[in-house]
Amino acid sequence: FNYDSAYIHPVCAAIFTQKNVKADPVLMKECLQ
């Protein structure tokens, strides 16, 4: 998601890290749809 604000990337990374999960871009794009 390189077109989104650079400030939100660490916030979203913290959401995944808090749940101890690796970010899955395919799943994230499905959620976007």
Full PDB file with SEQRES, HELIX, SHEET, SSBOND, CRYST1, ORIGX, SCALE, CONECT and MASTER records, all heavy atoms in Angstrom:
SEQRES   1 A   33  PHE ASN TYR ASP SER ALA TYR ILE HIS PRO VAL CYS ALA          
SEQRES   2 A   33  ALA ILE PHE THR GLN LYS ASN VAL LYS ALA ASP PRO VAL          
SEQRES   3 A   33  LEU MET LYS GLU CYS LEU GLN                                  
HELIX    1 AA1 ILE A    8  GLN A   18  1                                  11    
HELIX    2 AA2 PRO A   25  LEU A   32  1                                   8    
CRYST1    1.000    1.000    1.000  90.00  90.00  90.00 P 1           1          
ORIGX1      1.000000  0.000000  0.000000        0.00000                         
ORIGX2      0.000000  1.000000  0.000000        0.00000                         
ORIGX3      0.000000  0.000000  1.000000        0.00000                         
SCALE1      1.000000  0.000000  0.000000        0.00000                         
SCALE2      0.000000  1.000000  0.000000        0.00000                         
SCALE3      0.000000  0.000000  1.000000        0.00000                         
ATOM      1  N   PHE A   1       0.847  -1.194   0.000  1.00  0.00           N  
ATOM      2  CA  PHE A   1       0.000   0.000   0.000  1.00  0.00           C  
ATOM      3  C   PHE A   1       0.885   1.249   0.000  1.00  0.00           C  
ATOM      4  O   PHE A   1       0.801   2.081   0.889  1.00  0.00           O  
ATOM      5  CB  PHE A   1      -0.913  -0.001   1.229  1.00  0.00           C  
ATOM      6  CG  PHE A   1      -1.892  -1.131   1.239  1.00  0.00           C  
ATOM      7  CD1 PHE A   1      -1.588  -2.317   1.897  1.00  0.00           C  
ATOM      8  CD2 PHE A   1      -3.108  -1.030   0.587  1.00  0.00           C  
ATOM      9  CE1 PHE A   1      -2.484  -3.369   1.905  1.00  0.00           C  
ATOM     10  CE2 PHE A   1      -4.004  -2.075   0.589  1.00  0.00           C  
ATOM     11  CZ  PHE A   1      -3.694  -3.247   1.239  1.00  0.00           C  
ATOM     12  N   ASN A   2       1.711   1.378  -1.022  1.00  0.00           N  
ATOM     13  CA  ASN A   2       2.689   2.457  -1.050  1.00  0.00           C  
ATOM     14  C   ASN A   2       2.075   3.825  -1.333  1.00  0.00           C  
ATOM     15  O   ASN A   2       2.719   4.838  -1.119  1.00  0.00           O  
ATOM     16  CB  ASN A   2       3.813   2.157  -2.040  1.00  0.00           C  
ATOM     17  CG  ASN A   2       3.298   1.894  -3.429  1.00  0.00           C  
ATOM     18  OD1 ASN A   2       2.110   1.787  -3.651  1.00  0.00           O  
ATOM     19  ND2 ASN A   2       4.205   1.781  -4.367  1.00  0.00           N  
ATOM     20  N   TYR A   3       0.830   3.890  -1.792  1.00  0.00           N  
ATOM     21  CA  TYR A   3       0.214   5.179  -2.076  1.00  0.00           C  
ATOM     22  C   TYR A   3      -0.480   5.778  -0.858  1.00  0.00           C  
ATOM     23  O   TYR A   3      -0.899   6.924  -0.892  1.00  0.00           O  
ATOM     24  CB  TYR A   3      -0.788   5.055  -3.228  1.00  0.00           C  
ATOM     25  CG  TYR A   3      -0.096   4.727  -4.527  1.00  0.00           C  
ATOM     26  CD1 TYR A   3      -0.263   3.495  -5.140  1.00  0.00           C  
ATOM     27  CD2 TYR A   3       0.749   5.651  -5.128  1.00  0.00           C  
ATOM     28  CE1 TYR A   3       0.387   3.203  -6.324  1.00  0.00           C  
ATOM     29  CE2 TYR A   3       1.402   5.367  -6.309  1.00  0.00           C  
ATOM     30  CZ  TYR A   3       1.210   4.138  -6.903  1.00  0.00           C  
ATOM     31  OH  TYR A   3       1.864   3.846  -8.064  1.00  0.00           O  
ATOM     32  N   ASP A   4      -0.624   5.008   0.194  1.00  0.00           N  
ATOM     33  CA  ASP A   4      -1.212   5.534   1.425  1.00  0.00           C  
ATOM     34  C   ASP A   4      -0.162   6.321   2.197  1.00  0.00           C  
ATOM     35  O   ASP A   4       1.036   6.226   1.930  1.00  0.00           O  
ATOM     36  CB  ASP A   4      -1.756   4.383   2.287  1.00  0.00           C  
ATOM     37  CG  ASP A   4      -3.022   3.788   1.693  1.00  0.00           C  
ATOM     38  OD1 ASP A   4      -4.006   4.534   1.598  1.00  0.00           O  
ATOM     39  OD2 ASP A   4      -3.007   2.603   1.332  1.00  0.00           O  
ATOM     40  N   SER A   5      -0.612   7.054   3.172  1.00  0.00           N  
ATOM     41  CA  SER A   5       0.282   7.894   3.967  1.00  0.00           C  
ATOM     42  C   SER A   5       1.343   7.046   4.671  1.00  0.00           C  
ATOM     43  O   SER A   5       1.047   5.970   5.197  1.00  0.00           O  
ATOM     44  CB  SER A   5      -0.534   8.657   5.015  1.00  0.00           C  
ATOM     45  OG  SER A   5       0.305   9.329   5.908  1.00  0.00           O  
ATOM     46  N   ALA A   6       2.543   7.547   4.701  1.00  0.00           N  
ATOM     47  CA  ALA A   6       3.652   6.828   5.345  1.00  0.00           C  
ATOM     48  C   ALA A   6       3.474   6.760   6.855  1.00  0.00           C  
ATOM     49  O   ALA A   6       4.076   5.910   7.510  1.00  0.00           O  
ATOM     50  CB  ALA A   6       4.973   7.504   5.005  1.00  0.00           C  
ATOM     51  N   TYR A   7       2.651   7.622   7.413  1.00  0.00           N  
ATOM     52  CA  TYR A   7       2.437   7.638   8.860  1.00  0.00           C  
ATOM     53  C   TYR A   7       1.551   6.490   9.335  1.00  0.00           C  
ATOM     54  O   TYR A   7       1.606   6.108  10.493  1.00  0.00           O  
ATOM     55  CB  TYR A   7       1.801   8.960   9.287  1.00  0.00           C  
ATOM     56  CG  TYR A   7       2.678  10.145   9.014  1.00  0.00           C  
ATOM     57  CD1 TYR A   7       2.308  11.106   8.083  1.00  0.00           C  
ATOM     58  CD2 TYR A   7       3.897  10.298   9.673  1.00  0.00           C  
ATOM     59  CE1 TYR A   7       3.110  12.191   7.828  1.00  0.00           C  
ATOM     60  CE2 TYR A   7       4.714  11.377   9.417  1.00  0.00           C  
ATOM     61  CZ  TYR A   7       4.317  12.327   8.499  1.00  0.00           C  
ATOM     62  OH  TYR A   7       5.127  13.394   8.248  1.00  0.00           O  
ATOM     63  N   ILE A   8       0.738   5.940   8.452  1.00  0.00           N  
ATOM     64  CA  ILE A   8      -0.199   4.891   8.865  1.00  0.00           C  
ATOM     65  C   ILE A   8       0.438   3.505   8.799  1.00  0.00           C  
ATOM     66  O   ILE A   8      -0.012   2.580   9.471  1.00  0.00           O  
ATOM     67  CB  ILE A   8      -1.506   4.963   8.024  1.00  0.00           C  
ATOM     68  CG1 ILE A   8      -2.632   4.174   8.676  1.00  0.00           C  
ATOM     69  CG2 ILE A   8      -1.275   4.485   6.615  1.00  0.00           C  
ATOM     70  CD1 ILE A   8      -3.147   4.774   9.940  1.00  0.00           C  
ATOM     71  N   HIS A   9       1.506   3.327   8.039  1.00  0.00           N  
ATOM     72  CA  HIS A   9       2.145   2.014   7.923  1.00  0.00           C  
ATOM     73  C   HIS A   9       2.620   1.467   9.276  1.00  0.00           C  
ATOM     74  O   HIS A   9       2.359   0.298   9.583  1.00  0.00           O  
ATOM     75  CB  HIS A   9       3.310   2.065   6.930  1.00  0.00           C  
ATOM     76  CG  HIS A   9       2.868   2.402   5.543  1.00  0.00           C  
ATOM     77  ND1 HIS A   9       3.637   3.165   4.697  1.00  0.00           N  
ATOM     78  CD2 HIS A   9       1.746   2.111   4.841  1.00  0.00           C  
ATOM     79  CE1 HIS A   9       3.016   3.311   3.547  1.00  0.00           C  
ATOM     80  NE2 HIS A   9       1.857   2.686   3.609  1.00  0.00           N  
ATOM     81  N   PRO A  10       3.298   2.248  10.119  1.00  0.00           N  
ATOM     82  CA  PRO A  10       3.693   1.718  11.434  1.00  0.00           C  
ATOM     83  C   PRO A  10       2.497   1.396  12.333  1.00  0.00           C  
ATOM     84  O   PRO A  10       2.549   0.453  13.115  1.00  0.00           O  
ATOM     85  CB  PRO A  10       4.538   2.834  12.043  1.00  0.00           C  
ATOM     86  CG  PRO A  10       4.983   3.652  10.902  1.00  0.00           C  
ATOM     87  CD  PRO A  10       3.910   3.559   9.871  1.00  0.00           C  
ATOM     88  N   VAL A  11       1.422   2.166  12.202  1.00  0.00           N  
ATOM     89  CA  VAL A  11       0.222   1.898  13.007  1.00  0.00           C  
ATOM     90  C   VAL A  11      -0.353   0.542  12.631  1.00  0.00           C  
ATOM     91  O   VAL A  11      -0.690  -0.278  13.504  1.00  0.00           O  
ATOM     92  CB  VAL A  11      -0.826   3.017  12.815  1.00  0.00           C  
ATOM     93  CG1 VAL A  11      -2.123   2.671  13.507  1.00  0.00           C  
ATOM     94  CG2 VAL A  11      -0.281   4.342  13.300  1.00  0.00           C  
ATOM     95  N   CYS A  12      -0.452   0.295  11.347  1.00  0.00           N  
ATOM     96  CA  CYS A  12      -0.990  -0.989  10.886  1.00  0.00           C  
ATOM     97  C   CYS A  12      -0.036  -2.138  11.232  1.00  0.00           C  
ATOM     98  O   CYS A  12      -0.487  -3.230  11.573  1.00  0.00           O  
ATOM     99  CB  CYS A  12      -1.244  -0.927   9.389  1.00  0.00           C  
ATOM    100  SG  CYS A  12      -2.493   0.275   8.948  1.00  0.00           S  
ATOM    101  N   ALA A  13       1.247  -1.886  11.147  1.00  0.00           N  
ATOM    102  CA  ALA A  13       2.222  -2.909  11.539  1.00  0.00           C  
ATOM    103  C   ALA A  13       2.073  -3.246  13.014  1.00  0.00           C  
ATOM    104  O   ALA A  13       2.197  -4.415  13.410  1.00  0.00           O  
ATOM    105  CB  ALA A  13       3.629  -2.437  11.233  1.00  0.00           C  
ATOM    106  N   ALA A  14       1.776  -2.253  13.826  1.00  0.00           N  
ATOM    107  CA  ALA A  14       1.572  -2.495  15.260  1.00  0.00           C  
ATOM    108  C   ALA A  14       0.324  -3.333  15.500  1.00  0.00           C  
ATOM    109  O   ALA A  14       0.301  -4.165  16.420  1.00  0.00           O  
ATOM    110  CB  ALA A  14       1.473  -1.172  16.008  1.00  0.00           C  
ATOM    111  N   ILE A  15      -0.703  -3.149  14.683  1.00  0.00           N  
ATOM    112  CA  ILE A  15      -1.922  -3.961  14.819  1.00  0.00           C  
ATOM    113  C   ILE A  15      -1.597  -5.432  14.584  1.00  0.00           C  
ATOM    114  O   ILE A  15      -2.028  -6.305  15.337  1.00  0.00           O  
ATOM    115  CB  ILE A  15      -3.014  -3.460  13.846  1.00  0.00           C  
ATOM    116  CG1 ILE A  15      -3.497  -2.077  14.279  1.00  0.00           C  
ATOM    117  CG2 ILE A  15      -4.170  -4.441  13.764  1.00  0.00           C  
ATOM    118  CD1 ILE A  15      -4.401  -1.383  13.283  1.00  0.00           C  
ATOM    119  N   PHE A  16      -0.832  -5.707  13.544  1.00  0.00           N  
ATOM    120  CA  PHE A  16      -0.452  -7.095  13.255  1.00  0.00           C  
ATOM    121  C   PHE A  16       0.501  -7.639  14.311  1.00  0.00           C  
ATOM    122  O   PHE A  16       0.383  -8.788  14.729  1.00  0.00           O  
ATOM    123  CB  PHE A  16       0.189  -7.195  11.867  1.00  0.00           C  
ATOM    124  CG  PHE A  16      -0.791  -7.170  10.747  1.00  0.00           C  
ATOM    125  CD1 PHE A  16      -1.018  -6.003  10.036  1.00  0.00           C  
ATOM    126  CD2 PHE A  16      -1.485  -8.307  10.391  1.00  0.00           C  
ATOM    127  CE1 PHE A  16      -1.927  -5.975   9.004  1.00  0.00           C  
ATOM    128  CE2 PHE A  16      -2.391  -8.298   9.353  1.00  0.00           C  
ATOM    129  CZ  PHE A  16      -2.619  -7.123   8.654  1.00  0.00           C  
ATOM    130  N   THR A  17       1.451  -6.825  14.742  1.00  0.00           N  
ATOM    131  CA  THR A  17       2.447  -7.272  15.717  1.00  0.00           C  
ATOM    132  C   THR A  17       1.804  -7.564  17.065  1.00  0.00           C  
ATOM    133  O   THR A  17       2.194  -8.507  17.745  1.00  0.00           O  
ATOM    134  CB  THR A  17       3.552  -6.216  15.863  1.00  0.00           C  
ATOM    135  OG1 THR A  17       4.104  -5.954  14.566  1.00  0.00           O  
ATOM    136  CG2 THR A  17       4.654  -6.700  16.778  1.00  0.00           C  
ATOM    137  N   GLN A  18       0.806  -6.774  17.427  1.00  0.00           N  
ATOM    138  CA  GLN A  18       0.106  -6.998  18.691  1.00  0.00           C  
ATOM    139  C   GLN A  18      -0.550  -8.371  18.725  1.00  0.00           C  
ATOM    140  O   GLN A  18      -0.572  -9.040  19.752  1.00  0.00           O  
ATOM    141  CB  GLN A  18      -0.949  -5.924  18.902  1.00  0.00           C  
ATOM    142  CG  GLN A  18      -1.744  -6.102  20.168  1.00  0.00           C  
ATOM    143  CD  GLN A  18      -2.871  -5.089  20.269  1.00  0.00           C  
ATOM    144  OE1 GLN A  18      -3.164  -4.367  19.323  1.00  0.00           O  
ATOM    145  NE2 GLN A  18      -3.487  -5.039  21.419  1.00  0.00           N  
ATOM    146  N   LYS A  19      -1.058  -8.813  17.565  1.00  0.00           N  
ATOM    147  CA  LYS A  19      -1.678 -10.136  17.476  1.00  0.00           C  
ATOM    148  C   LYS A  19      -0.665 -11.226  17.159  1.00  0.00           C  
ATOM    149  O   LYS A  19      -1.020 -12.384  17.014  1.00  0.00           O  
ATOM    150  CB  LYS A  19      -2.758 -10.123  16.390  1.00  0.00           C  
ATOM    151  CG  LYS A  19      -3.844  -9.111  16.605  1.00  0.00           C  
ATOM    152  CD  LYS A  19      -5.012  -9.712  17.285  1.00  0.00           C  
ATOM    153  CE  LYS A  19      -6.088  -8.647  17.400  1.00  0.00           C  
ATOM    154  NZ  LYS A  19      -7.401  -9.176  17.439  1.00  0.00           N  
ATOM    155  N   ASN A  20       0.610 -10.841  17.003  1.00  0.00           N  
ATOM    156  CA  ASN A  20       1.704 -11.768  16.702  1.00  0.00           C  
ATOM    157  C   ASN A  20       1.465 -12.496  15.375  1.00  0.00           C  
ATOM    158  O   ASN A  20       1.615 -13.716  15.281  1.00  0.00           O  
ATOM    159  CB  ASN A  20       1.923 -12.764  17.847  1.00  0.00           C  
ATOM    160  CG  ASN A  20       3.307 -13.351  17.817  1.00  0.00           C  
ATOM    161  OD1 ASN A  20       4.223 -12.770  17.249  1.00  0.00           O  
ATOM    162  ND2 ASN A  20       3.460 -14.508  18.427  1.00  0.00           N  
ATOM    163  N   VAL A  21       1.087 -11.710  14.365  1.00  0.00           N  
ATOM    164  CA  VAL A  21       0.750 -12.240  13.048  1.00  0.00           C  
ATOM    165  C   VAL A  21       1.570 -11.489  12.002  1.00  0.00           C  
ATOM    166  O   VAL A  21       1.812 -10.297  12.137  1.00  0.00           O  
ATOM    167  CB  VAL A  21      -0.759 -12.034  12.765  1.00  0.00           C  
ATOM    168  CG1 VAL A  21      -1.124 -12.506  11.374  1.00  0.00           C  
ATOM    169  CG2 VAL A  21      -1.603 -12.725  13.802  1.00  0.00           C  
ATOM    170  N   LYS A  22       1.969 -12.202  10.948  1.00  0.00           N  
ATOM    171  CA  LYS A  22       2.638 -11.545   9.825  1.00  0.00           C  
ATOM    172  C   LYS A  22       1.575 -10.945   8.908  1.00  0.00           C  
ATOM    173  O   LYS A  22       0.535 -11.560   8.654  1.00  0.00           O  
ATOM    174  CB  LYS A  22       3.481 -12.537   9.041  1.00  0.00           C  
ATOM    175  CG  LYS A  22       4.726 -12.953   9.751  1.00  0.00           C  
ATOM    176  CD  LYS A  22       5.607 -13.794   8.864  1.00  0.00           C  
ATOM    177  CE  LYS A  22       6.871 -14.177   9.607  1.00  0.00           C  
ATOM    178  NZ  LYS A  22       7.772 -14.949   8.762  1.00  0.00           N  
ATOM    179  N   ALA A  23       1.850  -9.770   8.417  1.00  0.00           N  
ATOM    180  CA  ALA A  23       0.925  -9.099   7.502  1.00  0.00           C  
ATOM    181  C   ALA A  23       0.867  -9.853   6.183  1.00  0.00           C  
ATOM    182  O   ALA A  23       1.896 -10.216   5.617  1.00  0.00           O  
ATOM    183  CB  ALA A  23       1.367  -7.663   7.278  1.00  0.00           C  
ATOM    184  N   ASP A  24      -0.358 -10.085   5.712  1.00  0.00           N  
ATOM    185  CA  ASP A  24      -0.576 -10.776   4.451  1.00  0.00           C  
ATOM    186  C   ASP A  24      -1.215  -9.788   3.474  1.00  0.00           C  
ATOM    187  O   ASP A  24      -2.394  -9.457   3.610  1.00  0.00           O  
ATOM    188  CB  ASP A  24      -1.491 -11.978   4.663  1.00  0.00           C  
ATOM    189  CG  ASP A  24      -1.734 -12.775   3.403  1.00  0.00           C  
ATOM    190  OD1 ASP A  24      -1.084 -12.504   2.376  1.00  0.00           O  
ATOM    191  OD2 ASP A  24      -2.594 -13.679   3.448  1.00  0.00           O  
ATOM    192  N   PRO A  25      -0.452  -9.282   2.497  1.00  0.00           N  
ATOM    193  CA  PRO A  25      -0.999  -8.273   1.593  1.00  0.00           C  
ATOM    194  C   PRO A  25      -2.174  -8.774   0.754  1.00  0.00           C  
ATOM    195  O   PRO A  25      -3.068  -8.005   0.433  1.00  0.00           O  
ATOM    196  CB  PRO A  25       0.179  -7.877   0.715  1.00  0.00           C  
ATOM    197  CG  PRO A  25       1.278  -8.797   1.016  1.00  0.00           C  
ATOM    198  CD  PRO A  25       0.942  -9.565   2.239  1.00  0.00           C  
ATOM    199  N   VAL A  26      -2.189 -10.048   0.426  1.00  0.00           N  
ATOM    200  CA  VAL A  26      -3.301 -10.601  -0.354  1.00  0.00           C  
ATOM    201  C   VAL A  26      -4.593 -10.545   0.469  1.00  0.00           C  
ATOM    202  O   VAL A  26      -5.639 -10.103  -0.027  1.00  0.00           O  
ATOM    203  CB  VAL A  26      -2.989 -12.048  -0.796  1.00  0.00           C  
ATOM    204  CG1 VAL A  26      -4.178 -12.671  -1.491  1.00  0.00           C  
ATOM    205  CG2 VAL A  26      -1.753 -12.078  -1.680  1.00  0.00           C  
ATOM    206  N   LEU A  27      -4.519 -10.963   1.710  1.00  0.00           N  
ATOM    207  CA  LEU A  27      -5.685 -10.908   2.593  1.00  0.00           C  
ATOM    208  C   LEU A  27      -6.121  -9.470   2.831  1.00  0.00           C  
ATOM    209  O   LEU A  27      -7.311  -9.165   2.865  1.00  0.00           O  
ATOM    210  CB  LEU A  27      -5.383 -11.603   3.917  1.00  0.00           C  
ATOM    211  CG  LEU A  27      -6.501 -11.632   4.951  1.00  0.00           C  
ATOM    212  CD1 LEU A  27      -7.733 -12.343   4.400  1.00  0.00           C  
ATOM    213  CD2 LEU A  27      -6.017 -12.292   6.223  1.00  0.00           C  
ATOM    214  N   MET A  28      -5.170  -8.576   2.964  1.00  0.00           N  
ATOM    215  CA  MET A  28      -5.500  -7.168   3.180  1.00  0.00           C  
ATOM    216  C   MET A  28      -6.217  -6.576   1.965  1.00  0.00           C  
ATOM    217  O   MET A  28      -7.176  -5.819   2.106  1.00  0.00           O  
ATOM    218  CB  MET A  28      -4.240  -6.367   3.489  1.00  0.00           C  
ATOM    219  CG  MET A  28      -3.649  -6.682   4.840  1.00  0.00           C  
ATOM    220  SD  MET A  28      -2.125  -5.793   5.159  1.00  0.00           S  
ATOM    221  CE  MET A  28      -2.772  -4.149   5.434  1.00  0.00           C  
ATOM    222  N   LYS A  29      -5.793  -6.956   0.778  1.00  0.00           N  
ATOM    223  CA  LYS A  29      -6.464  -6.455  -0.432  1.00  0.00           C  
ATOM    224  C   LYS A  29      -7.855  -7.063  -0.580  1.00  0.00           C  
ATOM    225  O   LYS A  29      -8.770  -6.405  -1.084  1.00  0.00           O  
ATOM    226  CB  LYS A  29      -5.592  -6.719  -1.650  1.00  0.00           C  
ATOM    227  CG  LYS A  29      -4.353  -5.836  -1.620  1.00  0.00           C  
ATOM    228  CD  LYS A  29      -3.550  -5.868  -2.872  1.00  0.00           C  
ATOM    229  CE  LYS A  29      -2.359  -4.939  -2.652  1.00  0.00           C  
ATOM    230  NZ  LYS A  29      -1.666  -4.594  -3.837  1.00  0.00           N  
ATOM    231  N   GLU A  30      -8.034  -8.300  -0.114  1.00  0.00           N  
ATOM    232  CA  GLU A  30      -9.374  -8.889  -0.106  1.00  0.00           C  
ATOM    233  C   GLU A  30     -10.283  -8.122   0.854  1.00  0.00           C  
ATOM    234  O   GLU A  30     -11.457  -7.874   0.545  1.00  0.00           O  
ATOM    235  CB  GLU A  30      -9.315 -10.357   0.296  1.00  0.00           C  
ATOM    236  CG  GLU A  30      -8.712 -11.264  -0.757  1.00  0.00           C  
ATOM    237  CD  GLU A  30      -8.524 -12.687  -0.262  1.00  0.00           C  
ATOM    238  OE1 GLU A  30      -8.986 -13.016   0.846  1.00  0.00           O  
ATOM    239  OE2 GLU A  30      -7.905 -13.474  -0.991  1.00  0.00           O  
ATOM    240  N   CYS A  31      -9.755  -7.748   1.996  1.00  0.00           N  
ATOM    241  CA  CYS A  31     -10.521  -6.957   2.961  1.00  0.00           C  
ATOM    242  C   CYS A  31     -10.850  -5.583   2.390  1.00  0.00           C  
ATOM    243  O   CYS A  31     -11.949  -5.059   2.620  1.00  0.00           O  
ATOM    244  CB  CYS A  31      -9.757  -6.820   4.274  1.00  0.00           C  
ATOM    245  SG  CYS A  31      -9.600  -8.362   5.187  1.00  0.00           S  
ATOM    246  N   LEU A  32      -9.943  -5.011   1.619  1.00  0.00           N  
ATOM    247  CA  LEU A  32     -10.200  -3.731   0.973  1.00  0.00           C  
ATOM    248  C   LEU A  32     -11.366  -3.857  -0.008  1.00  0.00           C  
ATOM    249  O   LEU A  32     -12.241  -2.989  -0.058  1.00  0.00           O  
ATOM    250  CB  LEU A  32      -8.942  -3.245   0.251  1.00  0.00           C  
ATOM    251  CG  LEU A  32      -9.078  -1.996  -0.601  1.00  0.00           C  
ATOM    252  CD1 LEU A  32      -9.475  -0.800   0.250  1.00  0.00           C  
ATOM    253  CD2 LEU A  32      -7.778  -1.719  -1.346  1.00  0.00           C  
ATOM    254  N   GLN A  33     -11.386  -4.951  -0.752  1.00  0.00           N  
ATOM    255  CA  GLN A  33     -12.491  -5.167  -1.692  1.00  0.00           C  
ATOM    256  C   GLN A  33     -13.825  -5.329  -0.959  1.00  0.00           C  
ATOM    257  O   GLN A  33     -14.857  -4.839  -1.414  1.00  0.00           O  
ATOM    258  CB  GLN A  33     -12.223  -6.396  -2.566  1.00  0.00           C  
ATOM    259  CG  GLN A  33     -11.175  -6.171  -3.619  1.00  0.00           C  
ATOM    260  CD  GLN A  33     -11.521  -5.016  -4.536  1.00  0.00           C  
ATOM    261  OE1 GLN A  33     -12.663  -4.817  -4.928  1.00  0.00           O  
ATOM    262  NE2 GLN A  33     -10.511  -4.223  -4.868  1.00  0.00           N  
TER     263      GLN A  33                                                      
MASTER        0    0    0    2    0    0    0    6  262    1    0    3          
END                                                                             
